[in-house]
Amino acid sequence: MNNTEQANSVALEKLLGAEPQIVDLGLAKDVIPGFGEKMILHAGPPVTWERMSGPIIGAVTGAILYEGWADTPEKAKAFAAEGNISFDPCHHHDAVGPMAGIVSPNLPVWIIEEKNSGKKSYATLNEGLGKVLRMGAFSDEVIERLHWMREVLYPVLKSGIRRYVSDTGGLSLKSLISQSLHMGDELHNRNRAATSLLIRSLVPSLIDAESDNPDLSRVVRFMAGNDHFFLNPGMAAAKVSLDSVGYVEGSSMLTVMARNGTDFGIQVAGLKKRWFTCQAALPDVLLFPGFTREDVNRDIGDSAIMETYGVGGFALAAAPAIVQFVGGTPQDALNYTKEMYEICVGENKHFTIPSLNFRGTPTGIDLIKVVETGITPILDTGAAHREAGKGQVGAGIVRMPSEAFVKAAEAFVEEYSK
């Protein structure tokens, strides 16, 4: 075993040893490290307002309206264009966000803690599908929903979670992910089982804490009616687990993959927190009725953290039903997972796939193997309209572009050939 293989073994064991758990909820401005007064976090690597994709521009517009910094979309865009906002990637603040990934100061966020180290990560509450903020929509309906989520959903859910944590300790997300893989989820585009397990875990505590609250039933119905409700805390679980790997000298294992609708970027355990970027891929997705290929924006979102964690597209073999949503056949799903083993450091002993005789999911993307084989990671992803305000247009499979991996490999060789 050479030095890189040894380092990758160390990195993988750190990843597999992480124990992410839900411990609380809070408002972003109160709990996320380094959150400024007029700050908005976004998905992917750093990007300026001038280079932002339509979905991020739309989501920023919605966030400004939600925060009350402007009262019309036109004024909101002008407010951002005039330099009034400090933009930063979610990843720079221990956070992750699906699609546009927008986090503004008064949005409620999950607080996920890694049990062994005490490291924390953060993610917003999931709004559902369609015309939602994360897809770049900012209509009155979107803003009203966000206010309801803060004023009604957030305090009820926070109360229930605090009761659960008081009675039981943190809610293990690793356990829920493991179970949901055996129930047909892959944890990126299909979270139905995981959401169900989350609700099953929390509802008794919600009832104990909020039994006299007339909003309780609506809160439970909202969660139950949103199959993607688990996605956000699941992403935060992946984030804090990969953050637990930290810097591992000599390791070529990826710790971040992320897209902002303009650029795709990666980070590598042995190259600290350096970004290596290239143009984001253009997804070839299964379109919703009424949309065309010309409507699709370039790939976007921090949700690639799920594949970096060893689930999502890497666990497609566990979720044959997903092909109804993203296209293809159950055999395609099996083939994608089998292919991903070729570019990973190892397998996840905690996350197993029944259809592969309970083989562990391919885990720990190896930069060197990606470049040597020419196989790039696949994601099953949602697709947003390229124009701000239009929302989601479809979902499908997308491969990450190779250029970022080549840049990182060149830097890796330079760093470790000294």
Protein backbone atom coordinates (compact mmCIF):
# COMPACT_ATOMS: atom_id res chain seq x y z
CA MET A 1 0.00 0.00 0.00
CA ASN A 2 1.50 3.35 -1.06
CA ASN A 3 1.27 6.59 0.91
CA THR A 4 -1.82 7.83 -0.94
CA GLU A 5 -3.63 4.53 -0.38
CA GLN A 6 -2.76 4.67 3.31
CA ALA A 7 -3.95 8.27 3.55
CA ASN A 8 -7.19 7.40 1.73
CA SER A 9 -7.77 4.52 4.12
CA VAL A 10 -7.43 6.93 7.04
CA ALA A 11 -9.78 9.43 5.38
CA LEU A 12 -12.40 6.77 4.65
CA GLU A 13 -12.33 5.44 8.20
CA LYS A 14 -12.87 8.95 9.53
CA LEU A 15 -15.84 9.34 7.21
CA LEU A 16 -17.35 5.99 8.16
CA GLY A 17 -16.83 6.70 11.85
CA ALA A 18 -18.82 9.94 11.83
CA GLU A 19 -22.13 9.93 13.73
CA PRO A 20 -24.33 12.84 12.56
CA GLN A 21 -27.41 13.61 14.60
CA ILE A 22 -30.14 16.26 14.78
CA VAL A 23 -29.73 18.28 17.96
CA ASP A 24 -31.78 21.46 17.42
CA LEU A 25 -33.16 24.11 15.08
CA GLY A 26 -32.26 27.80 14.99
CA LEU A 27 -32.36 30.91 12.84
CA ALA A 28 -29.41 31.12 10.47
CA LYS A 29 -28.16 34.45 11.80
CA ASP A 30 -28.09 33.08 15.36
CA VAL A 31 -26.35 29.75 14.83
CA ILE A 32 -24.32 29.63 11.59
CA PRO A 33 -20.68 30.68 12.17
CA GLY A 34 -19.63 33.97 10.62
CA PHE A 35 -23.10 34.93 9.42
CA GLY A 36 -23.22 38.66 8.67
CA GLU A 37 -26.16 41.04 8.93
CA LYS A 38 -26.65 41.49 5.17
CA MET A 39 -25.26 38.10 4.12
CA ILE A 40 -26.75 35.48 1.83
CA LEU A 41 -25.18 32.05 1.43
CA HIS A 42 -25.48 30.15 -1.87
CA ALA A 43 -24.74 26.71 -3.23
CA GLY A 44 -21.52 25.70 -4.93
CA PRO A 45 -18.13 27.39 -5.14
CA PRO A 46 -17.76 31.18 -4.87
CA VAL A 47 -19.56 33.25 -7.52
CA THR A 48 -20.19 36.98 -7.95
CA TRP A 49 -23.58 38.56 -8.65
CA GLU A 50 -22.50 39.28 -12.24
CA ARG A 51 -21.87 35.56 -12.91
CA MET A 52 -24.78 34.09 -10.97
CA SER A 53 -27.17 31.76 -12.77
CA GLY A 54 -30.85 32.54 -13.20
CA PRO A 55 -31.99 30.22 -10.38
CA ILE A 56 -29.60 31.82 -7.86
CA ILE A 57 -30.59 35.32 -8.97
CA GLY A 58 -34.23 34.32 -8.54
CA ALA A 59 -33.62 32.76 -5.13
CA VAL A 60 -31.60 35.79 -3.96
CA THR A 61 -34.49 37.98 -5.12
CA GLY A 62 -36.89 35.88 -3.06
CA ALA A 63 -34.63 35.97 -0.02
CA ILE A 64 -34.41 39.77 -0.17
CA LEU A 65 -38.21 40.00 -0.34
CA TYR A 66 -38.54 37.52 2.53
CA GLU A 67 -36.09 39.49 4.66
CA GLY A 68 -37.91 42.75 3.91
CA TRP A 69 -34.85 44.45 2.41
CA ALA A 70 -36.95 45.38 -0.64
CA ASP A 71 -40.67 45.23 -1.46
CA THR A 72 -40.67 44.38 -5.19
CA PRO A 73 -38.61 41.95 -7.29
CA GLU A 74 -37.17 44.84 -9.29
CA LYS A 75 -36.00 46.64 -6.15
CA ALA A 76 -34.65 43.37 -4.75
CA LYS A 77 -32.48 42.75 -7.81
CA ALA A 78 -31.26 46.35 -7.72
CA PHE A 79 -30.46 45.98 -4.01
CA ALA A 80 -28.27 42.96 -4.78
CA ALA A 81 -26.67 44.49 -7.88
CA GLU A 82 -25.67 47.62 -5.92
CA GLY A 83 -23.41 45.55 -3.67
CA ASN A 84 -25.53 45.67 -0.50
CA ILE A 85 -25.20 41.94 0.13
CA SER A 86 -22.21 39.86 1.15
CA PHE A 87 -22.38 36.59 -0.82
CA ASP A 88 -20.54 33.48 0.30
CA PRO A 89 -20.79 29.72 -0.36
CA CYS A 90 -22.71 27.66 2.18
CA HIS A 91 -19.65 25.42 2.40
CA HIS A 92 -17.60 28.29 3.85
CA HIS A 93 -19.95 28.37 6.85
CA ASP A 94 -20.41 24.65 7.66
CA ALA A 95 -23.71 24.70 5.75
CA VAL A 96 -25.24 23.14 2.64
CA GLY A 97 -28.23 24.02 0.51
CA PRO A 98 -30.05 22.12 -2.25
CA MET A 99 -30.32 23.71 -5.73
CA ALA A 100 -29.72 27.50 -5.35
CA GLY A 101 -28.86 26.75 -1.72
CA ILE A 102 -29.88 30.19 -0.50
CA VAL A 103 -29.62 30.86 3.24
CA SER A 104 -30.61 34.31 4.49
CA PRO A 105 -30.40 35.54 8.11
CA ASN A 106 -33.96 34.76 9.23
CA LEU A 107 -34.43 31.38 7.62
CA PRO A 108 -34.76 28.50 10.10
CA VAL A 109 -32.04 25.85 9.83
CA TRP A 110 -31.45 22.33 11.07
CA ILE A 111 -28.52 22.00 13.47
CA ILE A 112 -26.69 18.72 12.93
CA GLU A 113 -23.88 17.65 15.25
CA GLU A 114 -21.26 14.97 14.75
CA LYS A 115 -21.44 13.05 18.02
CA ASN A 116 -17.73 12.27 18.39
CA SER A 117 -16.17 15.64 17.57
CA GLY A 118 -18.98 18.09 18.32
CA LYS A 119 -18.62 19.59 14.83
CA LYS A 120 -21.86 21.09 13.51
CA SER A 121 -23.48 21.64 10.13
CA TYR A 122 -26.60 23.50 9.02
CA ALA A 123 -29.30 23.33 6.36
CA THR A 124 -32.62 25.10 5.77
CA LEU A 125 -36.03 23.41 5.99
CA ASN A 126 -37.25 21.89 2.72
CA GLU A 127 -40.13 23.74 1.06
CA GLY A 128 -41.34 20.95 -1.25
CA LEU A 129 -41.25 20.69 -5.06
CA GLY A 130 -42.19 23.02 -7.91
CA LYS A 131 -42.10 26.79 -7.57
CA VAL A 132 -39.96 27.12 -4.45
CA LEU A 133 -37.12 29.41 -3.41
CA ARG A 134 -34.38 26.85 -3.93
CA MET A 135 -35.49 26.49 -7.58
CA GLY A 136 -35.25 30.26 -8.08
CA ALA A 137 -38.93 31.13 -7.64
CA PHE A 138 -39.95 34.27 -5.75
CA SER A 139 -43.71 34.74 -6.25
CA ASP A 140 -46.01 35.85 -3.41
CA GLU A 141 -46.89 32.19 -2.82
CA VAL A 142 -43.21 31.32 -2.28
CA ILE A 143 -42.62 34.19 0.17
CA GLU A 144 -45.86 33.45 2.08
CA ARG A 145 -44.83 29.82 2.46
CA LEU A 146 -41.43 30.83 3.81
CA HIS A 147 -43.04 33.13 6.39
CA TRP A 148 -45.40 30.33 7.45
CA MET A 149 -42.43 27.98 7.78
CA ARG A 150 -40.69 30.47 10.07
CA GLU A 151 -43.72 31.55 12.10
CA VAL A 152 -45.54 28.21 12.45
CA LEU A 153 -43.53 25.20 11.27
CA TYR A 154 -40.23 26.27 12.85
CA PRO A 155 -41.36 26.83 16.46
CA VAL A 156 -43.47 23.66 16.52
CA LEU A 157 -40.73 21.52 15.01
CA LYS A 158 -38.08 23.08 17.25
CA SER A 159 -40.16 22.34 20.33
CA GLY A 160 -40.63 18.71 19.29
CA ILE A 161 -36.96 18.21 18.49
CA ARG A 162 -35.90 19.67 21.81
CA ARG A 163 -38.29 17.28 23.57
CA TYR A 164 -36.89 14.36 21.56
CA VAL A 165 -33.29 15.34 22.35
CA SER A 166 -34.14 15.86 26.02
CA ASP A 167 -35.75 12.43 26.26
CA THR A 168 -33.55 10.40 23.93
CA GLY A 169 -30.47 12.34 22.88
CA GLY A 170 -29.70 13.45 19.33
CA LEU A 171 -31.67 11.86 16.51
CA SER A 172 -29.28 9.62 14.54
CA LEU A 173 -29.40 10.47 10.85
CA LYS A 174 -26.93 7.72 9.99
CA SER A 175 -29.44 5.17 11.25
CA LEU A 176 -32.30 6.69 9.24
CA ILE A 177 -30.19 6.74 6.07
CA SER A 178 -29.16 3.13 6.57
CA GLN A 179 -32.78 2.03 7.04
CA SER A 180 -34.13 4.06 4.14
CA LEU A 181 -31.68 2.46 1.69
CA HIS A 182 -33.42 -0.83 2.49
CA MET A 183 -36.79 0.80 1.82
CA GLY A 184 -36.18 2.07 -1.72
CA ASP A 185 -34.51 5.47 -1.19
CA GLU A 186 -31.16 6.60 -2.56
CA LEU A 187 -31.27 9.83 -0.47
CA HIS A 188 -30.90 12.46 -3.18
CA ASN A 189 -33.93 12.45 -5.45
CA ARG A 190 -35.88 9.88 -3.47
CA ASN A 191 -36.33 10.56 0.24
CA ARG A 192 -39.80 9.11 0.77
CA ALA A 193 -38.73 6.40 3.20
CA ALA A 194 -36.29 8.64 5.05
CA THR A 195 -38.92 11.36 5.43
CA SER A 196 -41.38 8.78 6.73
CA LEU A 197 -38.85 7.49 9.24
CA LEU A 198 -38.04 11.03 10.36
CA ILE A 199 -41.72 11.82 10.93
CA ARG A 200 -42.23 8.52 12.72
CA SER A 201 -39.34 9.38 15.04
CA LEU A 202 -40.43 12.95 15.77
CA VAL A 203 -44.23 12.88 15.95
CA PRO A 204 -44.50 11.41 19.47
CA SER A 205 -42.23 14.18 20.76
CA LEU A 206 -44.15 16.78 18.76
CA ILE A 207 -47.37 15.59 20.38
CA ASP A 208 -45.79 15.58 23.85
CA ALA A 209 -44.47 19.12 23.39
CA GLU A 210 -47.24 20.74 21.34
CA SER A 211 -50.45 18.77 21.99
CA ASP A 212 -52.43 21.94 22.72
CA ASN A 213 -51.15 23.78 19.64
CA PRO A 214 -53.83 24.06 16.93
CA ASP A 215 -51.09 24.28 14.28
CA LEU A 216 -49.67 20.85 15.12
CA SER A 217 -51.78 18.90 12.63
CA ARG A 218 -50.92 21.31 9.80
CA VAL A 219 -47.22 21.02 10.61
CA VAL A 220 -47.37 17.22 10.48
CA ARG A 221 -49.38 17.32 7.25
CA PHE A 222 -46.83 19.66 5.68
CA MET A 223 -43.97 17.30 6.50
CA ALA A 224 -45.93 14.23 5.43
CA GLY A 225 -46.88 15.90 2.16
CA ASN A 226 -43.28 16.65 1.23
CA ASP A 227 -41.30 13.54 0.31
CA HIS A 228 -38.12 15.64 0.17
CA PHE A 229 -38.40 16.91 3.74
CA PHE A 230 -35.51 14.66 4.81
CA LEU A 231 -33.17 15.85 2.04
CA ASN A 232 -31.93 18.96 3.86
CA PRO A 233 -30.97 17.38 7.19
CA GLY A 234 -29.61 14.43 5.21
CA MET A 235 -27.33 16.80 3.31
CA ALA A 236 -26.20 18.40 6.56
CA ALA A 237 -25.43 14.90 7.89
CA ALA A 238 -23.25 14.27 4.87
CA LYS A 239 -21.58 17.66 5.25
CA VAL A 240 -20.63 17.27 8.91
CA SER A 241 -19.44 13.70 8.27
CA LEU A 242 -17.16 14.82 5.44
CA ASP A 243 -15.99 17.81 7.49
CA SER A 244 -14.98 15.28 10.13
CA VAL A 245 -12.44 13.89 7.67
CA GLY A 246 -10.66 17.24 7.73
CA TYR A 247 -7.20 17.58 6.23
CA VAL A 248 -5.51 14.22 5.66
CA GLU A 249 -2.02 14.62 4.25
CA GLY A 250 -1.59 12.63 1.06
CA SER A 251 -5.27 11.76 0.64
CA SER A 252 -6.86 12.06 -2.81
CA MET A 253 -10.39 11.48 -1.45
CA LEU A 254 -12.98 14.15 -2.23
CA THR A 255 -14.65 15.98 0.65
CA VAL A 256 -16.83 18.37 -1.39
CA MET A 257 -18.60 18.40 -4.75
CA ALA A 258 -20.87 21.39 -5.37
CA ARG A 259 -22.46 23.39 -8.20
CA ASN A 260 -23.88 26.91 -8.40
CA GLY A 261 -25.52 26.80 -11.83
CA THR A 262 -22.44 28.46 -13.35
CA ASP A 263 -19.48 26.51 -11.96
CA PHE A 264 -18.81 23.03 -10.62
CA GLY A 265 -16.24 22.74 -7.84
CA ILE A 266 -14.53 20.08 -5.74
CA GLN A 267 -12.34 19.95 -2.64
CA VAL A 268 -9.91 17.17 -1.71
CA ALA A 269 -8.88 15.92 1.76
CA GLY A 270 -5.17 16.24 0.99
CA LEU A 271 -5.43 19.72 -0.53
CA LYS A 272 -7.10 21.37 2.44
CA LYS A 273 -10.05 23.58 1.44
CA ARG A 274 -8.89 24.68 -2.02
CA TRP A 275 -11.57 24.88 -4.72
CA PHE A 276 -10.95 23.38 -8.15
CA THR A 277 -13.60 24.53 -10.58
CA CYS A 278 -14.84 24.38 -14.15
CA GLN A 279 -18.09 25.10 -16.00
CA ALA A 280 -21.05 23.21 -14.53
CA ALA A 281 -22.59 20.42 -16.61
CA LEU A 282 -25.81 20.85 -18.56
CA PRO A 283 -28.14 18.09 -17.30
CA ASP A 284 -30.00 15.91 -19.80
CA VAL A 285 -33.09 15.43 -17.66
CA LEU A 286 -36.58 14.00 -17.83
CA LEU A 287 -38.64 17.17 -18.30
CA PHE A 288 -41.89 18.11 -16.63
CA PRO A 289 -44.77 18.81 -19.07
CA GLY A 290 -44.53 22.15 -20.83
CA PHE A 291 -40.73 22.55 -20.70
CA THR A 292 -38.01 22.04 -23.32
CA ARG A 293 -34.25 21.39 -23.25
CA GLU A 294 -33.68 25.10 -23.80
CA ASP A 295 -35.31 25.82 -20.41
CA VAL A 296 -32.78 23.81 -18.40
CA ASN A 297 -30.15 25.66 -16.36
CA ARG A 298 -26.68 24.26 -15.81
CA ASP A 299 -26.26 21.87 -12.92
CA ILE A 300 -26.81 23.46 -9.52
CA GLY A 301 -26.81 22.70 -5.80
CA ASP A 302 -24.83 21.49 -2.80
CA SER A 303 -26.82 18.26 -2.91
CA ALA A 304 -23.85 16.59 -4.64
CA ILE A 305 -22.67 16.20 -1.03
CA MET A 306 -24.89 13.10 -0.96
CA GLU A 307 -22.85 11.39 -3.68
CA THR A 308 -19.64 12.57 -2.01
CA TYR A 309 -20.98 10.81 1.10
CA GLY A 310 -21.65 7.58 -0.82
CA VAL A 311 -25.41 7.71 -1.40
CA GLY A 312 -27.58 9.52 -3.98
CA GLY A 313 -26.51 8.51 -7.48
CA PHE A 314 -23.95 6.13 -6.00
CA ALA A 315 -26.79 4.18 -4.37
CA LEU A 316 -29.18 4.11 -7.34
CA ALA A 317 -29.21 0.32 -7.20
CA ALA A 318 -31.09 0.61 -3.90
CA ALA A 319 -33.87 2.69 -5.48
CA PRO A 320 -35.30 1.09 -8.63
CA ALA A 321 -38.44 3.24 -8.34
CA ILE A 322 -36.36 6.39 -8.87
CA VAL A 323 -36.14 5.67 -12.60
CA GLN A 324 -39.80 6.69 -12.91
CA PHE A 325 -38.73 10.19 -11.85
CA VAL A 326 -35.32 10.54 -13.52
CA GLY A 327 -35.68 8.23 -16.53
CA GLY A 328 -33.97 4.96 -17.49
CA THR A 329 -34.54 1.42 -16.25
CA PRO A 330 -33.89 -0.50 -13.01
CA GLN A 331 -30.95 -2.14 -14.79
CA ASP A 332 -29.52 1.32 -15.51
CA ALA A 333 -29.72 2.07 -11.79
CA LEU A 334 -27.75 -1.09 -11.00
CA ASN A 335 -25.17 -0.30 -13.66
CA TYR A 336 -24.58 3.23 -12.39
CA THR A 337 -23.85 2.01 -8.87
CA LYS A 338 -21.54 -0.75 -10.09
CA GLU A 339 -19.61 1.76 -12.18
CA MET A 340 -19.09 4.08 -9.21
CA TYR A 341 -17.20 1.36 -7.30
CA GLU A 342 -14.40 1.86 -9.85
CA ILE A 343 -13.68 5.41 -8.66
CA CYS A 344 -14.10 5.04 -4.90
CA VAL A 345 -11.68 4.37 -2.06
CA GLY A 346 -13.93 1.70 -0.58
CA GLU A 347 -17.42 0.69 0.50
CA ASN A 348 -19.67 1.88 3.28
CA LYS A 349 -20.24 -0.86 5.82
CA HIS A 350 -23.15 1.10 7.31
CA PHE A 351 -25.01 1.83 4.06
CA THR A 352 -25.80 -1.38 2.18
CA ILE A 353 -27.77 -2.27 -0.95
CA PRO A 354 -30.16 -5.27 -0.81
CA SER A 355 -30.12 -5.87 -4.59
CA LEU A 356 -26.33 -6.19 -4.50
CA ASN A 357 -26.44 -8.84 -1.77
CA PHE A 358 -26.13 -6.08 0.84
CA ARG A 359 -22.86 -4.80 -0.54
CA GLY A 360 -21.82 -1.44 0.92
CA THR A 361 -22.38 1.64 -1.22
CA PRO A 362 -19.35 2.91 -3.16
CA THR A 363 -17.90 5.57 -0.87
CA GLY A 364 -15.01 8.03 -0.89
CA ILE A 365 -14.51 9.38 -4.41
CA ASP A 366 -10.83 9.01 -5.32
CA LEU A 367 -9.57 11.91 -7.42
CA ILE A 368 -6.76 9.80 -8.88
CA LYS A 369 -9.09 6.97 -9.93
CA VAL A 370 -11.45 9.46 -11.60
CA VAL A 371 -8.63 10.86 -13.71
CA GLU A 372 -7.03 7.48 -14.47
CA THR A 373 -10.27 5.77 -15.50
CA GLY A 374 -11.97 8.74 -17.13
CA ILE A 375 -15.11 7.85 -15.14
CA THR A 376 -16.65 10.89 -13.50
CA PRO A 377 -19.21 10.79 -10.66
CA ILE A 378 -22.89 10.58 -11.59
CA LEU A 379 -25.62 12.41 -9.73
CA ASP A 380 -29.37 12.08 -9.86
CA THR A 381 -30.48 15.67 -9.64
CA GLY A 382 -33.28 18.14 -10.03
CA ALA A 383 -33.14 20.76 -12.77
CA ALA A 384 -34.15 24.41 -12.46
CA HIS A 385 -35.34 26.77 -15.18
CA ARG A 386 -32.52 28.95 -16.47
CA GLU A 387 -34.67 32.05 -16.00
CA ALA A 388 -35.14 33.48 -12.53
CA GLY A 389 -38.56 32.87 -11.03
CA LYS A 390 -39.65 29.87 -13.12
CA GLY A 391 -38.89 27.03 -10.68
CA GLN A 392 -38.18 23.36 -11.41
CA VAL A 393 -38.35 21.92 -14.93
CA GLY A 394 -37.39 18.28 -14.40
CA ALA A 395 -35.03 15.73 -12.90
CA GLY A 396 -32.48 13.25 -14.17
CA ILE A 397 -28.97 11.87 -14.23
CA VAL A 398 -25.94 14.08 -14.78
CA ARG A 399 -22.20 13.39 -14.88
CA MET A 400 -19.78 15.78 -13.27
CA PRO A 401 -17.40 17.45 -15.75
CA SER A 402 -13.84 16.13 -15.79
CA GLU A 403 -12.00 19.47 -15.97
CA ALA A 404 -12.22 20.17 -12.24
CA PHE A 405 -10.81 16.72 -11.46
CA VAL A 406 -7.91 17.21 -13.88
CA LYS A 407 -7.06 20.58 -12.28
CA ALA A 408 -7.17 19.04 -8.81
CA ALA A 409 -5.05 16.06 -9.90
CA GLU A 410 -2.40 18.40 -11.32
CA ALA A 411 -2.33 20.31 -8.02
CA PHE A 412 -2.18 17.04 -6.09
CA VAL A 413 0.80 15.80 -8.07
CA GLU A 414 2.54 19.16 -7.66
CA GLU A 415 1.89 19.13 -3.90
CA TYR A 416 3.09 15.60 -3.26
CA SER A 417 5.93 15.26 -5.72
CA LYS A 418 8.06 17.86 -3.92
